[in-house]
């Protein structure tokens, strides 16, 4: 089974639970406003075209718009996009020992979150992101950061805030088992239906 749990990820989950969106929005394109990212303050107007996740897995590069009510009762909304997936990835300089697999293959997922112009700030982090495999297992984002990880990194730990009208983009580094490849990217914040993007075959 593909799983990975780190202390960093556990802390991130706690931080997101306490400070990210609360329940409230019942829109079909609701998705929790907790995601991670790394740099690029692009206006919301530059966000990718959006599609309703209820139509099935999205194509990489297609944004998913969501809306919710934050823990303080304020409006919060934005667009989450899985931009690209690379396996094997270039630019990764990590020892095999940091992987849970004997013969790891490094992969990089690039993602972006944009907060709407009328939204309160959105807290983002790596922990809602995962890779889904054809055997119905998932590999959670490991929260790997620092030297040897492709830049810009998507935020780890307590995450980062994205202000209204801006975006945050970054890369999440995964290790997968040799001979395996995910068929989906999954964004599954707490208390929200997961959003999925199809990973093309190699």
C-alpha atoms as a PDB file:
ATOM      1  CA  UNK A   1       0.000   0.000   0.000  1.00  0.00           C
ATOM      2  CA  UNK A   2       1.290   3.454  -0.823  1.00  0.00           C
ATOM      3  CA  UNK A   3       1.323   5.540   2.351  1.00  0.00           C
ATOM      4  CA  UNK A   4       3.736   7.927   3.983  1.00  0.00           C
ATOM      5  CA  UNK A   5       3.252   9.720   7.239  1.00  0.00           C
ATOM      6  CA  UNK A   6       5.686  12.241   8.646  1.00  0.00           C
ATOM      7  CA  UNK A   7       5.654  14.397  11.715  1.00  0.00           C
ATOM      8  CA  UNK A   8       5.673  17.442   9.462  1.00  0.00           C
ATOM      9  CA  UNK A   9       2.558  16.262   7.644  1.00  0.00           C
ATOM     10  CA  UNK A  10       0.805  15.569  10.945  1.00  0.00           C
ATOM     11  CA  UNK A  11       1.559  19.081  12.166  1.00  0.00           C
ATOM     12  CA  UNK A  12       0.376  20.523   8.864  1.00  0.00           C
ATOM     13  CA  UNK A  13      -2.931  18.658   9.135  1.00  0.00           C
ATOM     14  CA  UNK A  14      -3.450  20.041  12.640  1.00  0.00           C
ATOM     15  CA  UNK A  15      -2.565  23.579  11.543  1.00  0.00           C
ATOM     16  CA  UNK A  16      -4.916  23.406   8.569  1.00  0.00           C
ATOM     17  CA  UNK A  17      -7.717  22.011  10.689  1.00  0.00           C
ATOM     18  CA  UNK A  18      -7.392  24.913  13.109  1.00  0.00           C
ATOM     19  CA  UNK A  19      -6.868  27.772  10.643  1.00  0.00           C
ATOM     20  CA  UNK A  20      -8.206  26.852   7.219  1.00  0.00           C
ATOM     21  CA  UNK A  21     -11.773  26.798   5.965  1.00  0.00           C
ATOM     22  CA  UNK A  22     -14.626  25.504   8.025  1.00  0.00           C
ATOM     23  CA  UNK A  23     -17.703  23.754   6.776  1.00  0.00           C
ATOM     24  CA  UNK A  24     -20.380  25.858   5.258  1.00  0.00           C
ATOM     25  CA  UNK A  25     -20.458  26.022   1.472  1.00  0.00           C
ATOM     26  CA  UNK A  26     -22.660  23.449  -0.194  1.00  0.00           C
ATOM     27  CA  UNK A  27     -21.800  24.329  -3.789  1.00  0.00           C
ATOM     28  CA  UNK A  28     -20.963  21.434  -6.138  1.00  0.00           C
ATOM     29  CA  UNK A  29     -17.528  22.933  -6.700  1.00  0.00           C
ATOM     30  CA  UNK A  30     -16.798  23.314  -2.996  1.00  0.00           C
ATOM     31  CA  UNK A  31     -13.293  22.328  -2.072  1.00  0.00           C
ATOM     32  CA  UNK A  32     -11.488  23.213   1.122  1.00  0.00           C
ATOM     33  CA  UNK A  33      -9.093  26.136   0.928  1.00  0.00           C
ATOM     34  CA  UNK A  34      -6.113  24.328   2.317  1.00  0.00           C
ATOM     35  CA  UNK A  35      -3.326  23.611  -0.159  1.00  0.00           C
ATOM     36  CA  UNK A  36       0.335  24.363  -0.343  1.00  0.00           C
ATOM     37  CA  UNK A  37       2.457  26.312  -2.780  1.00  0.00           C
ATOM     38  CA  UNK A  38       5.622  28.237  -3.241  1.00  0.00           C
ATOM     39  CA  UNK A  39       5.821  31.506  -5.168  1.00  0.00           C
ATOM     40  CA  UNK A  40       4.197  33.661  -7.808  1.00  0.00           C
ATOM     41  CA  UNK A  41       1.669  36.319  -6.964  1.00  0.00           C
ATOM     42  CA  UNK A  42      -0.367  36.166 -10.130  1.00  0.00           C
ATOM     43  CA  UNK A  43      -3.817  37.759 -10.260  1.00  0.00           C
ATOM     44  CA  UNK A  44      -6.785  35.427 -10.178  1.00  0.00           C
ATOM     45  CA  UNK A  45      -7.545  36.321 -13.773  1.00  0.00           C
ATOM     46  CA  UNK A  46      -4.498  34.267 -14.781  1.00  0.00           C
ATOM     47  CA  UNK A  47      -5.936  31.101 -13.217  1.00  0.00           C
ATOM     48  CA  UNK A  48      -6.459  28.114 -15.485  1.00  0.00           C
ATOM     49  CA  UNK A  49      -9.866  27.440 -17.077  1.00  0.00           C
ATOM     50  CA  UNK A  50     -12.111  25.733 -14.558  1.00  0.00           C
ATOM     51  CA  UNK A  51     -14.258  22.625 -14.751  1.00  0.00           C
ATOM     52  CA  UNK A  52     -16.700  20.932 -12.395  1.00  0.00           C
ATOM     53  CA  UNK A  53     -14.975  17.974 -10.713  1.00  0.00           C
ATOM     54  CA  UNK A  54     -18.305  16.116 -10.656  1.00  0.00           C
ATOM     55  CA  UNK A  55     -17.770  15.471 -14.383  1.00  0.00           C
ATOM     56  CA  UNK A  56     -14.943  13.048 -13.566  1.00  0.00           C
ATOM     57  CA  UNK A  57     -11.171  13.404 -13.359  1.00  0.00           C
ATOM     58  CA  UNK A  58      -9.974  16.747 -14.681  1.00  0.00           C
ATOM     59  CA  UNK A  59      -7.218  17.162 -17.236  1.00  0.00           C
ATOM     60  CA  UNK A  60      -3.912  18.372 -15.775  1.00  0.00           C
ATOM     61  CA  UNK A  61      -3.799  22.144 -16.083  1.00  0.00           C
ATOM     62  CA  UNK A  62      -7.549  22.546 -15.527  1.00  0.00           C
ATOM     63  CA  UNK A  63      -8.560  24.479 -12.423  1.00  0.00           C
ATOM     64  CA  UNK A  64     -11.264  23.514  -9.938  1.00  0.00           C
ATOM     65  CA  UNK A  65     -13.182  26.471  -8.466  1.00  0.00           C
ATOM     66  CA  UNK A  66     -14.477  26.144  -4.915  1.00  0.00           C
ATOM     67  CA  UNK A  67     -16.254  28.329  -2.364  1.00  0.00           C
ATOM     68  CA  UNK A  68     -16.700  28.003   1.386  1.00  0.00           C
ATOM     69  CA  UNK A  69     -17.178  29.869   4.649  1.00  0.00           C
ATOM     70  CA  UNK A  70     -14.023  30.391   6.726  1.00  0.00           C
ATOM     71  CA  UNK A  71     -13.843  29.606  10.457  1.00  0.00           C
ATOM     72  CA  UNK A  72     -14.526  33.262  11.290  1.00  0.00           C
ATOM     73  CA  UNK A  73     -17.632  33.287   9.084  1.00  0.00           C
ATOM     74  CA  UNK A  74     -16.023  35.204   6.217  1.00  0.00           C
ATOM     75  CA  UNK A  75     -16.340  34.256   2.549  1.00  0.00           C
ATOM     76  CA  UNK A  76     -13.454  32.216   1.152  1.00  0.00           C
ATOM     77  CA  UNK A  77     -13.097  30.949  -2.414  1.00  0.00           C
ATOM     78  CA  UNK A  78     -10.581  30.281  -5.142  1.00  0.00           C
ATOM     79  CA  UNK A  79      -9.282  27.916  -7.779  1.00  0.00           C
ATOM     80  CA  UNK A  80      -7.029  24.904  -7.223  1.00  0.00           C
ATOM     81  CA  UNK A  81      -5.062  23.456 -10.144  1.00  0.00           C
ATOM     82  CA  UNK A  82      -2.817  20.413 -10.591  1.00  0.00           C
ATOM     83  CA  UNK A  83      -0.607  21.871 -13.334  1.00  0.00           C
ATOM     84  CA  UNK A  84       1.714  19.026 -14.309  1.00  0.00           C
ATOM     85  CA  UNK A  85       3.164  15.664 -13.238  1.00  0.00           C
ATOM     86  CA  UNK A  86       6.675  14.463 -14.185  1.00  0.00           C
ATOM     87  CA  UNK A  87       8.004  10.932 -13.635  1.00  0.00           C
ATOM     88  CA  UNK A  88      10.924  10.360 -13.635  1.00  0.00           C
ATOM     89  CA  UNK A  89      11.599  13.920 -12.568  1.00  0.00           C
ATOM     90  CA  UNK A  90      14.693  15.965 -13.296  1.00  0.00           C
ATOM     91  CA  UNK A  91      16.273  18.243 -10.731  1.00  0.00           C
ATOM     92  CA  UNK A  92      15.782  15.918  -7.751  1.00  0.00           C
ATOM     93  CA  UNK A  93      19.001  15.341  -5.798  1.00  0.00           C
ATOM     94  CA  UNK A  94      17.897  13.281  -2.819  1.00  0.00           C
ATOM     95  CA  UNK A  95      19.393  10.038  -1.450  1.00  0.00           C
ATOM     96  CA  UNK A  96      17.309   6.881  -1.890  1.00  0.00           C
ATOM     97  CA  UNK A  97      17.320   6.519   1.902  1.00  0.00           C
ATOM     98  CA  UNK A  98      14.731   9.318   2.296  1.00  0.00           C
ATOM     99  CA  UNK A  99      12.221   7.227   0.331  1.00  0.00           C
ATOM    100  CA  UNK A 100       9.971   4.462   1.649  1.00  0.00           C
ATOM    101  CA  UNK A 101      10.820   2.361  -1.420  1.00  0.00           C
ATOM    102  CA  UNK A 102      13.875   0.181  -2.044  1.00  0.00           C
ATOM    103  CA  UNK A 103      14.311   1.411  -5.623  1.00  0.00           C
ATOM    104  CA  UNK A 104      12.557   4.783  -5.697  1.00  0.00           C
ATOM    105  CA  UNK A 105      11.678   6.757  -8.785  1.00  0.00           C
ATOM    106  CA  UNK A 106      11.370  10.496  -8.146  1.00  0.00           C
ATOM    107  CA  UNK A 107       8.321  12.393  -9.359  1.00  0.00           C
ATOM    108  CA  UNK A 108       7.319  16.053  -9.199  1.00  0.00           C
ATOM    109  CA  UNK A 109       3.780  17.435  -9.063  1.00  0.00           C
ATOM    110  CA  UNK A 110       3.317  21.150  -9.750  1.00  0.00           C
ATOM    111  CA  UNK A 111       0.217  22.788  -8.276  1.00  0.00           C
ATOM    112  CA  UNK A 112      -1.295  26.253  -7.862  1.00  0.00           C
ATOM    113  CA  UNK A 113      -3.953  27.889  -5.718  1.00  0.00           C
ATOM    114  CA  UNK A 114      -5.537  31.265  -6.518  1.00  0.00           C
ATOM    115  CA  UNK A 115      -7.686  33.159  -4.031  1.00  0.00           C
ATOM    116  CA  UNK A 116     -10.630  35.034  -5.551  1.00  0.00           C
ATOM    117  CA  UNK A 117     -10.681  38.846  -5.422  1.00  0.00           C
ATOM    118  CA  UNK A 118     -13.527  38.789  -2.865  1.00  0.00           C
ATOM    119  CA  UNK A 119     -12.064  35.975  -0.729  1.00  0.00           C
ATOM    120  CA  UNK A 120     -10.389  36.155   2.632  1.00  0.00           C
ATOM    121  CA  UNK A 121      -6.818  34.790   2.693  1.00  0.00           C
ATOM    122  CA  UNK A 122      -6.450  31.091   1.837  1.00  0.00           C
ATOM    123  CA  UNK A 123      -4.145  28.788   3.811  1.00  0.00           C
ATOM    124  CA  UNK A 124      -2.313  26.275   1.594  1.00  0.00           C
ATOM    125  CA  UNK A 125       0.008  23.316   2.286  1.00  0.00           C
ATOM    126  CA  UNK A 126       1.154  20.001   0.792  1.00  0.00           C
ATOM    127  CA  UNK A 127      -0.837  17.634   2.974  1.00  0.00           C
ATOM    128  CA  UNK A 128      -4.190  17.625   1.056  1.00  0.00           C
ATOM    129  CA  UNK A 129      -2.355  16.396  -2.083  1.00  0.00           C
ATOM    130  CA  UNK A 130      -1.835  12.718  -2.963  1.00  0.00           C
ATOM    131  CA  UNK A 131      -1.184  10.400  -5.877  1.00  0.00           C
ATOM    132  CA  UNK A 132      -3.802   7.734  -6.634  1.00  0.00           C
ATOM    133  CA  UNK A 133      -2.944   4.318  -8.102  1.00  0.00           C
ATOM    134  CA  UNK A 134      -4.958   1.765 -10.062  1.00  0.00           C
ATOM    135  CA  UNK A 135      -4.914  -0.667  -7.102  1.00  0.00           C
ATOM    136  CA  UNK A 136      -7.036   1.833  -5.099  1.00  0.00           C
ATOM    137  CA  UNK A 137      -4.136   3.012  -2.925  1.00  0.00           C
ATOM    138  CA  UNK A 138      -2.806   6.520  -2.352  1.00  0.00           C
ATOM    139  CA  UNK A 139       0.571   8.067  -1.687  1.00  0.00           C
ATOM    140  CA  UNK A 140       0.250  11.180   0.451  1.00  0.00           C
ATOM    141  CA  UNK A 141       2.492  14.183  -0.166  1.00  0.00           C
ATOM    142  CA  UNK A 142       5.583  13.504   1.958  1.00  0.00           C
ATOM    143  CA  UNK A 143       6.297  17.106   2.954  1.00  0.00           C
ATOM    144  CA  UNK A 144       9.843  16.884   1.594  1.00  0.00           C
ATOM    145  CA  UNK A 145      11.637  20.226   1.372  1.00  0.00           C
ATOM    146  CA  UNK A 146      15.088  21.782   1.436  1.00  0.00           C
ATOM    147  CA  UNK A 147      18.250  20.982  -0.458  1.00  0.00           C
ATOM    148  CA  UNK A 148      17.870  18.584  -3.385  1.00  0.00           C
ATOM    149  CA  UNK A 149      14.170  19.329  -3.963  1.00  0.00           C
ATOM    150  CA  UNK A 150      13.127  21.128  -7.181  1.00  0.00           C
ATOM    151  CA  UNK A 151      12.140  24.769  -6.722  1.00  0.00           C
ATOM    152  CA  UNK A 152       9.860  26.525  -6.146  1.00  0.00           C
ATOM    153  CA  UNK A 153       8.693  24.241  -3.360  1.00  0.00           C
ATOM    154  CA  UNK A 154       5.061  24.065  -2.396  1.00  0.00           C
ATOM    155  CA  UNK A 155       4.748  25.000   1.311  1.00  0.00           C
ATOM    156  CA  UNK A 156       5.180  22.359   3.987  1.00  0.00           C
ATOM    157  CA  UNK A 157       4.634  22.456   7.741  1.00  0.00           C
ATOM    158  CA  UNK A 158       2.163  25.152   8.767  1.00  0.00           C
ATOM    159  CA  UNK A 159       1.672  26.164   5.123  1.00  0.00           C
ATOM    160  CA  UNK A 160       1.393  29.670   3.692  1.00  0.00           C
ATOM    161  CA  UNK A 161      -1.338  32.268   3.227  1.00  0.00           C
ATOM    162  CA  UNK A 162      -2.509  33.370  -0.216  1.00  0.00           C
ATOM    163  CA  UNK A 163      -4.089  36.843  -0.177  1.00  0.00           C
ATOM    164  CA  UNK A 164      -7.199  37.764  -2.148  1.00  0.00           C
ATOM    165  CA  UNK A 165      -6.518  38.227  -5.864  1.00  0.00           C
ATOM    166  CA  UNK A 166      -3.174  36.417  -5.802  1.00  0.00           C
ATOM    167  CA  UNK A 167      -1.907  32.914  -6.549  1.00  0.00           C
ATOM    168  CA  UNK A 168       0.725  30.593  -5.126  1.00  0.00           C
ATOM    169  CA  UNK A 169       2.409  27.943  -7.275  1.00  0.00           C
ATOM    170  CA  UNK A 170       4.930  25.293  -6.323  1.00  0.00           C
ATOM    171  CA  UNK A 171       6.282  21.779  -6.679  1.00  0.00           C
ATOM    172  CA  UNK A 172       5.727  18.714  -4.496  1.00  0.00           C
ATOM    173  CA  UNK A 173       8.367  15.974  -4.692  1.00  0.00           C
ATOM    174  CA  UNK A 174       7.229  12.345  -4.369  1.00  0.00           C
ATOM    175  CA  UNK A 175       9.065   9.036  -4.528  1.00  0.00           C
ATOM    176  CA  UNK A 176       7.180   6.133  -6.100  1.00  0.00           C
ATOM    177  CA  UNK A 177       8.072   2.472  -6.347  1.00  0.00           C
ATOM    178  CA  UNK A 178      10.012   1.335  -9.387  1.00  0.00           C
ATOM    179  CA  UNK A 179       7.626   0.074 -12.075  1.00  0.00           C
ATOM    180  CA  UNK A 180       4.608   1.960 -10.690  1.00  0.00           C
ATOM    181  CA  UNK A 181       2.899   5.111 -11.913  1.00  0.00           C
ATOM    182  CA  UNK A 182      -0.169   6.869 -10.505  1.00  0.00           C
ATOM    183  CA  UNK A 183      -3.251   7.310 -12.637  1.00  0.00           C
ATOM    184  CA  UNK A 184      -4.598  10.280 -10.666  1.00  0.00           C
ATOM    185  CA  UNK A 185      -3.590  13.347  -8.707  1.00  0.00           C
ATOM    186  CA  UNK A 186      -5.946  13.808  -5.755  1.00  0.00           C
ATOM    187  CA  UNK A 187      -6.667  16.972  -3.774  1.00  0.00           C
ATOM    188  CA  UNK A 188      -8.570  15.944  -0.626  1.00  0.00           C
ATOM    189  CA  UNK A 189      -8.822  18.602   2.079  1.00  0.00           C
ATOM    190  CA  UNK A 190     -10.620  17.621   5.275  1.00  0.00           C
ATOM    191  CA  UNK A 191     -14.430  17.515   5.178  1.00  0.00           C
ATOM    192  CA  UNK A 192     -14.613  18.006   1.397  1.00  0.00           C
ATOM    193  CA  UNK A 193     -15.136  15.681  -1.542  1.00  0.00           C
ATOM    194  CA  UNK A 194     -11.792  14.916  -3.231  1.00  0.00           C
ATOM    195  CA  UNK A 195     -10.959  16.507  -6.567  1.00  0.00           C
ATOM    196  CA  UNK A 196      -9.080  14.344  -9.091  1.00  0.00           C
ATOM    197  CA  UNK A 197      -6.920  14.986 -12.153  1.00  0.00           C
ATOM    198  CA  UNK A 198      -6.014  12.207 -14.601  1.00  0.00           C
ATOM    199  CA  UNK A 199      -2.296  11.428 -14.961  1.00  0.00           C
ATOM    200  CA  UNK A 200      -1.429  10.568 -18.577  1.00  0.00           C
ATOM    201  CA  UNK A 201       0.281   7.247 -19.222  1.00  0.00           C
ATOM    202  CA  UNK A 202       4.030   7.530 -19.692  1.00  0.00           C
END
